mmCIF file of all heavy atoms, coordinates in Angstrom:
data_MODEL
# 
_entry.id   MODEL 
# 
loop_
_atom_site.group_PDB 
_atom_site.id 
_atom_site.type_symbol 
_atom_site.label_atom_id 
_atom_site.label_alt_id 
_atom_site.label_comp_id 
_atom_site.label_asym_id 
_atom_site.label_entity_id 
_atom_site.label_seq_id 
_atom_site.pdbx_PDB_ins_code 
_atom_site.Cartn_x 
_atom_site.Cartn_y 
_atom_site.Cartn_z 
_atom_site.occupancy 
_atom_site.B_iso_or_equiv 
_atom_site.pdbx_formal_charge 
_atom_site.auth_seq_id 
_atom_site.auth_comp_id 
_atom_site.auth_asym_id 
_atom_site.auth_atom_id 
_atom_site.pdbx_PDB_model_num 
ATOM 1   N N   . SER A 1 1  ? 23.319 26.819 -32.096 1.00 0.00 ? 1  SER A N   1 
ATOM 2   C CA  . SER A 1 1  ? 23.803 26.925 -30.709 1.00 0.00 ? 1  SER A CA  1 
ATOM 3   C C   . SER A 1 1  ? 24.712 28.140 -30.623 1.00 0.00 ? 1  SER A C   1 
ATOM 4   O O   . SER A 1 1  ? 25.138 28.714 -31.646 1.00 0.00 ? 1  SER A O   1 
ATOM 5   C CB  . SER A 1 1  ? 24.698 25.705 -30.374 1.00 0.00 ? 1  SER A CB  1 
ATOM 6   O OG  . SER A 1 1  ? 25.722 25.595 -31.201 1.00 0.00 ? 1  SER A OG  1 
ATOM 7   N N   . GLY A 1 2  ? 24.931 28.603 -29.383 1.00 0.00 ? 2  GLY A N   1 
ATOM 8   C CA  . GLY A 1 2  ? 25.666 29.813 -29.195 1.00 0.00 ? 2  GLY A CA  1 
ATOM 9   C C   . GLY A 1 2  ? 24.987 31.045 -29.703 1.00 0.00 ? 2  GLY A C   1 
ATOM 10  O O   . GLY A 1 2  ? 23.699 31.091 -29.545 1.00 0.00 ? 2  GLY A O   1 
ATOM 11  N N   . ASN A 1 3  ? 25.639 32.015 -30.171 1.00 0.00 ? 3  ASN A N   1 
ATOM 12  C CA  . ASN A 1 3  ? 25.034 33.226 -30.626 1.00 0.00 ? 3  ASN A CA  1 
ATOM 13  C C   . ASN A 1 3  ? 24.515 33.134 -32.002 1.00 0.00 ? 3  ASN A C   1 
ATOM 14  O O   . ASN A 1 3  ? 25.167 32.434 -32.855 1.00 0.00 ? 3  ASN A O   1 
ATOM 15  C CB  . ASN A 1 3  ? 26.010 34.413 -30.555 1.00 0.00 ? 3  ASN A CB  1 
ATOM 16  C CG  . ASN A 1 3  ? 26.404 34.819 -29.142 1.00 0.00 ? 3  ASN A CG  1 
ATOM 17  O OD1 . ASN A 1 3  ? 25.462 34.714 -28.262 1.00 0.00 ? 3  ASN A OD1 1 
ATOM 18  N ND2 . ASN A 1 3  ? 27.576 35.176 -28.851 1.00 0.00 ? 3  ASN A ND2 1 
ATOM 19  N N   . PRO A 1 4  ? 23.417 33.826 -32.363 1.00 0.00 ? 4  PRO A N   1 
ATOM 20  C CA  . PRO A 1 4  ? 22.933 33.756 -33.738 1.00 0.00 ? 4  PRO A CA  1 
ATOM 21  C C   . PRO A 1 4  ? 23.881 34.477 -34.640 1.00 0.00 ? 4  PRO A C   1 
ATOM 22  O O   . PRO A 1 4  ? 24.691 35.337 -34.267 1.00 0.00 ? 4  PRO A O   1 
ATOM 23  C CB  . PRO A 1 4  ? 21.592 34.576 -33.656 1.00 0.00 ? 4  PRO A CB  1 
ATOM 24  C CG  . PRO A 1 4  ? 21.527 35.069 -32.262 1.00 0.00 ? 4  PRO A CG  1 
ATOM 25  C CD  . PRO A 1 4  ? 22.606 34.608 -31.469 1.00 0.00 ? 4  PRO A CD  1 
ATOM 26  N N   . PRO A 1 5  ? 23.806 34.099 -35.929 1.00 0.00 ? 5  PRO A N   1 
ATOM 27  C CA  . PRO A 1 5  ? 24.745 34.763 -36.972 1.00 0.00 ? 5  PRO A CA  1 
ATOM 28  C C   . PRO A 1 5  ? 24.343 36.264 -37.007 1.00 0.00 ? 5  PRO A C   1 
ATOM 29  O O   . PRO A 1 5  ? 23.270 36.689 -36.777 1.00 0.00 ? 5  PRO A O   1 
ATOM 30  C CB  . PRO A 1 5  ? 24.322 34.059 -38.294 1.00 0.00 ? 5  PRO A CB  1 
ATOM 31  C CG  . PRO A 1 5  ? 23.529 32.875 -37.896 1.00 0.00 ? 5  PRO A CG  1 
ATOM 32  C CD  . PRO A 1 5  ? 23.001 33.062 -36.550 1.00 0.00 ? 5  PRO A CD  1 
ATOM 33  N N   . ALA A 1 6  ? 25.370 37.058 -37.377 1.00 0.00 ? 6  ALA A N   1 
ATOM 34  C CA  . ALA A 1 6  ? 25.174 38.523 -37.577 1.00 0.00 ? 6  ALA A CA  1 
ATOM 35  C C   . ALA A 1 6  ? 24.046 38.871 -38.522 1.00 0.00 ? 6  ALA A C   1 
ATOM 36  O O   . ALA A 1 6  ? 23.316 39.820 -38.229 1.00 0.00 ? 6  ALA A O   1 
ATOM 37  C CB  . ALA A 1 6  ? 26.510 39.120 -38.013 1.00 0.00 ? 6  ALA A CB  1 
ATOM 38  N N   . ALA A 1 7  ? 23.934 38.085 -39.647 1.00 0.00 ? 7  ALA A N   1 
ATOM 39  C CA  . ALA A 1 7  ? 22.952 38.394 -40.560 1.00 0.00 ? 7  ALA A CA  1 
ATOM 40  C C   . ALA A 1 7  ? 21.540 38.174 -40.022 1.00 0.00 ? 7  ALA A C   1 
ATOM 41  O O   . ALA A 1 7  ? 20.588 38.898 -40.304 1.00 0.00 ? 7  ALA A O   1 
ATOM 42  C CB  . ALA A 1 7  ? 23.103 37.563 -41.820 1.00 0.00 ? 7  ALA A CB  1 
ATOM 43  N N   . CYS A 1 8  ? 21.437 37.217 -39.126 1.00 0.00 ? 8  CYS A N   1 
ATOM 44  C CA  . CYS A 1 8  ? 20.190 36.917 -38.426 1.00 0.00 ? 8  CYS A CA  1 
ATOM 45  C C   . CYS A 1 8  ? 19.786 38.114 -37.501 1.00 0.00 ? 8  CYS A C   1 
ATOM 46  O O   . CYS A 1 8  ? 18.675 38.594 -37.596 1.00 0.00 ? 8  CYS A O   1 
ATOM 47  C CB  . CYS A 1 8  ? 20.221 35.645 -37.613 1.00 0.00 ? 8  CYS A CB  1 
ATOM 48  S SG  . CYS A 1 8  ? 18.879 35.328 -36.478 1.00 0.00 ? 8  CYS A SG  1 
ATOM 49  N N   . CYS A 1 9  ? 20.727 38.525 -36.725 1.00 0.00 ? 9  CYS A N   1 
ATOM 50  C CA  . CYS A 1 9  ? 20.498 39.743 -35.868 1.00 0.00 ? 9  CYS A CA  1 
ATOM 51  C C   . CYS A 1 9  ? 20.206 40.934 -36.619 1.00 0.00 ? 9  CYS A C   1 
ATOM 52  O O   . CYS A 1 9  ? 19.338 41.816 -36.164 1.00 0.00 ? 9  CYS A O   1 
ATOM 53  C CB  . CYS A 1 9  ? 21.683 39.865 -34.907 1.00 0.00 ? 9  CYS A CB  1 
ATOM 54  S SG  . CYS A 1 9  ? 21.874 38.630 -33.653 1.00 0.00 ? 9  CYS A SG  1 
ATOM 55  N N   . ALA A 1 10 ? 20.813 41.180 -37.713 1.00 0.00 ? 10 ALA A N   1 
ATOM 56  C CA  . ALA A 1 10 ? 20.584 42.351 -38.554 1.00 0.00 ? 10 ALA A CA  1 
ATOM 57  C C   . ALA A 1 10 ? 19.169 42.343 -39.084 1.00 0.00 ? 10 ALA A C   1 
ATOM 58  O O   . ALA A 1 10 ? 18.471 43.287 -39.066 1.00 0.00 ? 10 ALA A O   1 
ATOM 59  C CB  . ALA A 1 10 ? 21.635 42.428 -39.729 1.00 0.00 ? 10 ALA A CB  1 
ATOM 60  N N   . GLY A 1 11 ? 18.750 41.171 -39.516 1.00 0.00 ? 11 GLY A N   1 
ATOM 61  C CA  . GLY A 1 11 ? 17.355 40.998 -40.049 1.00 0.00 ? 11 GLY A CA  1 
ATOM 62  C C   . GLY A 1 11 ? 16.367 41.135 -38.930 1.00 0.00 ? 11 GLY A C   1 
ATOM 63  O O   . GLY A 1 11 ? 15.341 41.811 -39.149 1.00 0.00 ? 11 GLY A O   1 
ATOM 64  N N   . ALA A 1 12 ? 16.594 40.567 -37.825 1.00 0.00 ? 12 ALA A N   1 
ATOM 65  C CA  . ALA A 1 12 ? 15.665 40.666 -36.690 1.00 0.00 ? 12 ALA A CA  1 
ATOM 66  C C   . ALA A 1 12 ? 15.526 42.204 -36.222 1.00 0.00 ? 12 ALA A C   1 
ATOM 67  O O   . ALA A 1 12 ? 14.493 42.689 -35.889 1.00 0.00 ? 12 ALA A O   1 
ATOM 68  C CB  . ALA A 1 12 ? 16.117 39.838 -35.535 1.00 0.00 ? 12 ALA A CB  1 
ATOM 69  N N   . SER A 1 13 ? 16.658 42.870 -36.265 1.00 0.00 ? 13 SER A N   1 
ATOM 70  C CA  . SER A 1 13 ? 16.673 44.262 -35.892 1.00 0.00 ? 13 SER A CA  1 
ATOM 71  C C   . SER A 1 13 ? 15.976 45.119 -36.913 1.00 0.00 ? 13 SER A C   1 
ATOM 72  O O   . SER A 1 13 ? 15.138 46.024 -36.535 1.00 0.00 ? 13 SER A O   1 
ATOM 73  C CB  . SER A 1 13 ? 18.178 44.817 -35.855 1.00 0.00 ? 13 SER A CB  1 
ATOM 74  O OG  . SER A 1 13 ? 18.182 46.116 -35.456 1.00 0.00 ? 13 SER A OG  1 
ATOM 75  N N   . ALA A 1 14 ? 16.080 44.816 -38.216 1.00 0.00 ? 14 ALA A N   1 
ATOM 76  C CA  . ALA A 1 14 ? 15.306 45.478 -39.254 1.00 0.00 ? 14 ALA A CA  1 
ATOM 77  C C   . ALA A 1 14 ? 13.803 45.261 -39.067 1.00 0.00 ? 14 ALA A C   1 
ATOM 78  O O   . ALA A 1 14 ? 13.037 46.162 -39.230 1.00 0.00 ? 14 ALA A O   1 
ATOM 79  C CB  . ALA A 1 14 ? 15.767 44.984 -40.662 1.00 0.00 ? 14 ALA A CB  1 
ATOM 80  N N   . LEU A 1 15 ? 13.452 44.049 -38.708 1.00 0.00 ? 15 LEU A N   1 
ATOM 81  C CA  . LEU A 1 15 ? 12.035 43.772 -38.488 1.00 0.00 ? 15 LEU A CA  1 
ATOM 82  C C   . LEU A 1 15 ? 11.531 44.495 -37.302 1.00 0.00 ? 15 LEU A C   1 
ATOM 83  O O   . LEU A 1 15 ? 10.413 45.104 -37.334 1.00 0.00 ? 15 LEU A O   1 
ATOM 84  C CB  . LEU A 1 15 ? 11.823 42.252 -38.214 1.00 0.00 ? 15 LEU A CB  1 
ATOM 85  C CG  . LEU A 1 15 ? 10.456 41.821 -37.821 1.00 0.00 ? 15 LEU A CG  1 
ATOM 86  C CD1 . LEU A 1 15 ? 9.391  42.186 -38.873 1.00 0.00 ? 15 LEU A CD1 1 
ATOM 87  C CD2 . LEU A 1 15 ? 10.414 40.340 -37.555 1.00 0.00 ? 15 LEU A CD2 1 
ATOM 88  N N   . ALA A 1 16 ? 12.266 44.524 -36.251 1.00 0.00 ? 16 ALA A N   1 
ATOM 89  C CA  . ALA A 1 16 ? 11.851 45.321 -35.060 1.00 0.00 ? 16 ALA A CA  1 
ATOM 90  C C   . ALA A 1 16 ? 11.679 46.798 -35.350 1.00 0.00 ? 16 ALA A C   1 
ATOM 91  O O   . ALA A 1 16 ? 10.680 47.387 -34.887 1.00 0.00 ? 16 ALA A O   1 
ATOM 92  C CB  . ALA A 1 16 ? 12.895 45.143 -33.925 1.00 0.00 ? 16 ALA A CB  1 
ATOM 93  N N   . SER A 1 17 ? 12.483 47.368 -36.196 1.00 0.00 ? 17 SER A N   1 
ATOM 94  C CA  . SER A 1 17 ? 12.274 48.712 -36.598 1.00 0.00 ? 17 SER A CA  1 
ATOM 95  C C   . SER A 1 17 ? 11.093 48.928 -37.590 1.00 0.00 ? 17 SER A C   1 
ATOM 96  O O   . SER A 1 17 ? 10.370 49.954 -37.454 1.00 0.00 ? 17 SER A O   1 
ATOM 97  C CB  . SER A 1 17 ? 13.550 49.242 -37.325 1.00 0.00 ? 17 SER A CB  1 
ATOM 98  O OG  . SER A 1 17 ? 14.634 49.228 -36.439 1.00 0.00 ? 17 SER A OG  1 
ATOM 99  N N   . ALA A 1 18 ? 10.821 47.992 -38.457 1.00 0.00 ? 18 ALA A N   1 
ATOM 100 C CA  . ALA A 1 18 ? 9.798  48.105 -39.407 1.00 0.00 ? 18 ALA A CA  1 
ATOM 101 C C   . ALA A 1 18 ? 8.451  47.948 -38.830 1.00 0.00 ? 18 ALA A C   1 
ATOM 102 O O   . ALA A 1 18 ? 7.486  48.527 -39.247 1.00 0.00 ? 18 ALA A O   1 
ATOM 103 C CB  . ALA A 1 18 ? 10.004 47.018 -40.583 1.00 0.00 ? 18 ALA A CB  1 
ATOM 104 N N   . ALA A 1 19 ? 8.305  47.055 -37.818 1.00 0.00 ? 19 ALA A N   1 
ATOM 105 C CA  . ALA A 1 19 ? 6.979  46.810 -37.237 1.00 0.00 ? 19 ALA A CA  1 
ATOM 106 C C   . ALA A 1 19 ? 6.767  47.815 -36.039 1.00 0.00 ? 19 ALA A C   1 
ATOM 107 O O   . ALA A 1 19 ? 6.892  47.477 -34.869 1.00 0.00 ? 19 ALA A O   1 
ATOM 108 C CB  . ALA A 1 19 ? 6.955  45.367 -36.675 1.00 0.00 ? 19 ALA A CB  1 
ATOM 109 N N   . SER A 1 20 ? 6.449  49.007 -36.408 1.00 0.00 ? 20 SER A N   1 
ATOM 110 C CA  . SER A 1 20 ? 6.439  50.119 -35.476 1.00 0.00 ? 20 SER A CA  1 
ATOM 111 C C   . SER A 1 20 ? 5.026  50.510 -34.990 1.00 0.00 ? 20 SER A C   1 
ATOM 112 O O   . SER A 1 20 ? 4.897  51.153 -34.008 1.00 0.00 ? 20 SER A O   1 
ATOM 113 C CB  . SER A 1 20 ? 7.123  51.369 -36.047 1.00 0.00 ? 20 SER A CB  1 
ATOM 114 O OG  . SER A 1 20 ? 6.444  51.744 -37.216 1.00 0.00 ? 20 SER A OG  1 
ATOM 115 N N   . ASN A 1 21 ? 3.984  50.077 -35.683 1.00 0.00 ? 21 ASN A N   1 
ATOM 116 C CA  . ASN A 1 21 ? 2.637  50.392 -35.241 1.00 0.00 ? 21 ASN A CA  1 
ATOM 117 C C   . ASN A 1 21 ? 1.819  49.115 -35.008 1.00 0.00 ? 21 ASN A C   1 
ATOM 118 O O   . ASN A 1 21 ? 2.289  48.053 -35.395 1.00 0.00 ? 21 ASN A O   1 
ATOM 119 C CB  . ASN A 1 21 ? 1.923  51.347 -36.224 1.00 0.00 ? 21 ASN A CB  1 
ATOM 120 C CG  . ASN A 1 21 ? 1.770  50.745 -37.647 1.00 0.00 ? 21 ASN A CG  1 
ATOM 121 O OD1 . ASN A 1 21 ? 1.319  49.627 -37.790 1.00 0.00 ? 21 ASN A OD1 1 
ATOM 122 N ND2 . ASN A 1 21 ? 2.096  51.488 -38.680 1.00 0.00 ? 21 ASN A ND2 1 
ATOM 123 N N   . ALA A 1 22 ? 0.654  49.245 -34.527 1.00 0.00 ? 22 ALA A N   1 
ATOM 124 C CA  . ALA A 1 22 ? -0.113 48.048 -34.168 1.00 0.00 ? 22 ALA A CA  1 
ATOM 125 C C   . ALA A 1 22 ? -0.486 47.169 -35.343 1.00 0.00 ? 22 ALA A C   1 
ATOM 126 O O   . ALA A 1 22 ? -0.401 45.975 -35.220 1.00 0.00 ? 22 ALA A O   1 
ATOM 127 C CB  . ALA A 1 22 ? -1.464 48.504 -33.439 1.00 0.00 ? 22 ALA A CB  1 
ATOM 128 N N   . ALA A 1 23 ? -0.893 47.799 -36.472 1.00 0.00 ? 23 ALA A N   1 
ATOM 129 C CA  . ALA A 1 23 ? -1.209 47.022 -37.665 1.00 0.00 ? 23 ALA A CA  1 
ATOM 130 C C   . ALA A 1 23 ? 0.012  46.221 -38.110 1.00 0.00 ? 23 ALA A C   1 
ATOM 131 O O   . ALA A 1 23 ? -0.134 45.021 -38.511 1.00 0.00 ? 23 ALA A O   1 
ATOM 132 C CB  . ALA A 1 23 ? -1.723 47.905 -38.736 1.00 0.00 ? 23 ALA A CB  1 
ATOM 133 N N   . ASP A 1 24 ? 1.183  46.870 -38.180 1.00 0.00 ? 24 ASP A N   1 
ATOM 134 C CA  . ASP A 1 24 ? 2.377  46.193 -38.586 1.00 0.00 ? 24 ASP A CA  1 
ATOM 135 C C   . ASP A 1 24 ? 2.726  45.068 -37.681 1.00 0.00 ? 24 ASP A C   1 
ATOM 136 O O   . ASP A 1 24 ? 3.209  43.987 -38.127 1.00 0.00 ? 24 ASP A O   1 
ATOM 137 C CB  . ASP A 1 24 ? 3.569  47.146 -38.713 1.00 0.00 ? 24 ASP A CB  1 
ATOM 138 C CG  . ASP A 1 24 ? 3.449  48.063 -39.927 1.00 0.00 ? 24 ASP A CG  1 
ATOM 139 O OD1 . ASP A 1 24 ? 2.598  47.791 -40.863 1.00 0.00 ? 24 ASP A OD1 1 
ATOM 140 O OD2 . ASP A 1 24 ? 4.176  49.072 -40.014 1.00 0.00 ? 24 ASP A OD2 1 
ATOM 141 N N   . LYS A 1 25 ? 2.616  45.233 -36.388 1.00 0.00 ? 25 LYS A N   1 
ATOM 142 C CA  . LYS A 1 25 ? 2.914  44.219 -35.424 1.00 0.00 ? 25 LYS A CA  1 
ATOM 143 C C   . LYS A 1 25 ? 1.998  42.968 -35.543 1.00 0.00 ? 25 LYS A C   1 
ATOM 144 O O   . LYS A 1 25 ? 2.399  41.898 -35.513 1.00 0.00 ? 25 LYS A O   1 
ATOM 145 C CB  . LYS A 1 25 ? 2.839  44.777 -34.012 1.00 0.00 ? 25 LYS A CB  1 
ATOM 146 C CG  . LYS A 1 25 ? 3.968  45.707 -33.633 1.00 0.00 ? 25 LYS A CG  1 
ATOM 147 C CD  . LYS A 1 25 ? 3.674  46.406 -32.299 1.00 0.00 ? 25 LYS A CD  1 
ATOM 148 C CE  . LYS A 1 25 ? 4.738  47.513 -32.090 1.00 0.00 ? 25 LYS A CE  1 
ATOM 149 N NZ  . LYS A 1 25 ? 4.597  48.232 -30.837 1.00 0.00 ? 25 LYS A NZ  1 
ATOM 150 N N   . LYS A 1 26 ? 0.705  43.271 -35.804 1.00 0.00 ? 26 LYS A N   1 
ATOM 151 C CA  . LYS A 1 26 ? -0.199 42.087 -36.023 1.00 0.00 ? 26 LYS A CA  1 
ATOM 152 C C   . LYS A 1 26 ? 0.091  41.420 -37.277 1.00 0.00 ? 26 LYS A C   1 
ATOM 153 O O   . LYS A 1 26 ? 0.086  40.162 -37.321 1.00 0.00 ? 26 LYS A O   1 
ATOM 154 C CB  . LYS A 1 26 ? -1.640 42.681 -36.047 1.00 0.00 ? 26 LYS A CB  1 
ATOM 155 C CG  . LYS A 1 26 ? -2.172 42.966 -34.635 1.00 0.00 ? 26 LYS A CG  1 
ATOM 156 C CD  . LYS A 1 26 ? -3.645 43.380 -34.795 1.00 0.00 ? 26 LYS A CD  1 
ATOM 157 C CE  . LYS A 1 26 ? -4.189 44.015 -33.561 1.00 0.00 ? 26 LYS A CE  1 
ATOM 158 N NZ  . LYS A 1 26 ? -4.480 43.075 -32.440 1.00 0.00 ? 26 LYS A NZ  1 
ATOM 159 N N   . THR A 1 27 ? 0.436  42.150 -38.341 1.00 0.00 ? 27 THR A N   1 
ATOM 160 C CA  . THR A 1 27 ? 0.838  41.520 -39.612 1.00 0.00 ? 27 THR A CA  1 
ATOM 161 C C   . THR A 1 27 ? 2.072  40.671 -39.445 1.00 0.00 ? 27 THR A C   1 
ATOM 162 O O   . THR A 1 27 ? 2.146  39.486 -39.840 1.00 0.00 ? 27 THR A O   1 
ATOM 163 C CB  . THR A 1 27 ? 1.035  42.563 -40.699 1.00 0.00 ? 27 THR A CB  1 
ATOM 164 O OG1 . THR A 1 27 ? -0.143 43.225 -40.917 1.00 0.00 ? 27 THR A OG1 1 
ATOM 165 C CG2 . THR A 1 27 ? 1.519  41.901 -41.959 1.00 0.00 ? 27 THR A CG2 1 
# 
């Protein structure tokens, strides 16, 4: 509930940066 933990947001942000092309997004 509330805001996600900082470690969660950091990981989600890392994933968003890593999945930069179509193949990575599908994977």
